[in-house]
């Protein structure tokens, strides 16, 4: 396994753990999930614009 691929797998695991932790401690799960998705969408948009 190459180093960049390993880093991506590790990042995915950390994001998954963070997502679950935020949902568990959040008072309103729907709002928390919505904010996480908005943040992920914004980050993906920035990456897409940089790669275009």
C-alpha atoms as a PDB file:
ATOM      1  CA  UNK A   1       0.000   0.000   0.000  1.00  0.00           C
ATOM      2  CA  UNK A   2       1.401   3.387  -0.958  1.00  0.00           C
ATOM      3  CA  UNK A   3       1.816   6.172   1.570  1.00  0.00           C
ATOM      4  CA  UNK A   4      -0.835   8.508   0.057  1.00  0.00           C
ATOM      5  CA  UNK A   5      -3.360   5.675  -0.035  1.00  0.00           C
ATOM      6  CA  UNK A   6      -2.596   4.767   3.576  1.00  0.00           C
ATOM      7  CA  UNK A   7      -3.012   8.426   4.563  1.00  0.00           C
ATOM      8  CA  UNK A   8      -6.411   8.569   2.844  1.00  0.00           C
ATOM      9  CA  UNK A   9      -7.593   5.410   4.608  1.00  0.00           C
ATOM     10  CA  UNK A  10      -6.413   6.798   7.948  1.00  0.00           C
ATOM     11  CA  UNK A  11      -8.128  10.131   7.253  1.00  0.00           C
ATOM     12  CA  UNK A  12     -11.369   8.335   6.400  1.00  0.00           C
ATOM     13  CA  UNK A  13     -11.207   6.407   9.673  1.00  0.00           C
ATOM     14  CA  UNK A  14     -10.601   9.600  11.656  1.00  0.00           C
ATOM     15  CA  UNK A  15     -13.462  11.408   9.910  1.00  0.00           C
ATOM     16  CA  UNK A  16     -15.782   8.477  10.611  1.00  0.00           C
ATOM     17  CA  UNK A  17     -14.846   8.444  14.301  1.00  0.00           C
ATOM     18  CA  UNK A  18     -15.256  12.218  14.520  1.00  0.00           C
ATOM     19  CA  UNK A  19     -18.652  12.078  12.801  1.00  0.00           C
ATOM     20  CA  UNK A  20     -19.878   9.463  15.294  1.00  0.00           C
ATOM     21  CA  UNK A  21     -18.520  11.377  18.285  1.00  0.00           C
ATOM     22  CA  UNK A  22     -20.190  14.618  17.185  1.00  0.00           C
ATOM     23  CA  UNK A  23     -23.514  12.869  16.654  1.00  0.00           C
ATOM     24  CA  UNK A  24     -23.296  11.202  20.052  1.00  0.00           C
ATOM     25  CA  UNK A  25     -22.588  14.400  22.023  1.00  0.00           C
ATOM     26  CA  UNK A  26     -24.875  16.675  20.004  1.00  0.00           C
ATOM     27  CA  UNK A  27     -28.217  17.634  21.507  1.00  0.00           C
ATOM     28  CA  UNK A  28     -30.079  17.618  18.196  1.00  0.00           C
ATOM     29  CA  UNK A  29     -28.887  14.795  15.950  1.00  0.00           C
ATOM     30  CA  UNK A  30     -30.633  16.117  12.835  1.00  0.00           C
ATOM     31  CA  UNK A  31     -29.080  19.574  13.223  1.00  0.00           C
ATOM     32  CA  UNK A  32     -25.660  18.113  13.992  1.00  0.00           C
ATOM     33  CA  UNK A  33     -25.791  15.795  10.966  1.00  0.00           C
ATOM     34  CA  UNK A  34     -26.972  18.663   8.771  1.00  0.00           C
ATOM     35  CA  UNK A  35     -24.113  20.918   9.865  1.00  0.00           C
ATOM     36  CA  UNK A  36     -21.576  18.146   9.305  1.00  0.00           C
ATOM     37  CA  UNK A  37     -22.941  17.560   5.795  1.00  0.00           C
ATOM     38  CA  UNK A  38     -22.873  21.281   5.007  1.00  0.00           C
ATOM     39  CA  UNK A  39     -19.251  21.453   6.151  1.00  0.00           C
ATOM     40  CA  UNK A  40     -18.337  18.401   4.074  1.00  0.00           C
ATOM     41  CA  UNK A  41     -20.088  19.890   1.057  1.00  0.00           C
ATOM     42  CA  UNK A  42     -18.225  23.166   1.419  1.00  0.00           C
ATOM     43  CA  UNK A  43     -14.900  21.361   1.756  1.00  0.00           C
ATOM     44  CA  UNK A  44     -15.660  19.232  -1.307  1.00  0.00           C
ATOM     45  CA  UNK A  45     -16.636  22.364  -3.225  1.00  0.00           C
ATOM     46  CA  UNK A  46     -13.342  24.048  -2.400  1.00  0.00           C
ATOM     47  CA  UNK A  47     -11.410  20.975  -3.528  1.00  0.00           C
ATOM     48  CA  UNK A  48     -13.467  20.742  -6.729  1.00  0.00           C
ATOM     49  CA  UNK A  49     -12.817  24.405  -7.541  1.00  0.00           C
ATOM     50  CA  UNK A  50      -9.076  23.999  -6.884  1.00  0.00           C
ATOM     51  CA  UNK A  51      -8.909  20.942  -9.151  1.00  0.00           C
ATOM     52  CA  UNK A  52     -10.928  22.523 -11.972  1.00  0.00           C
END
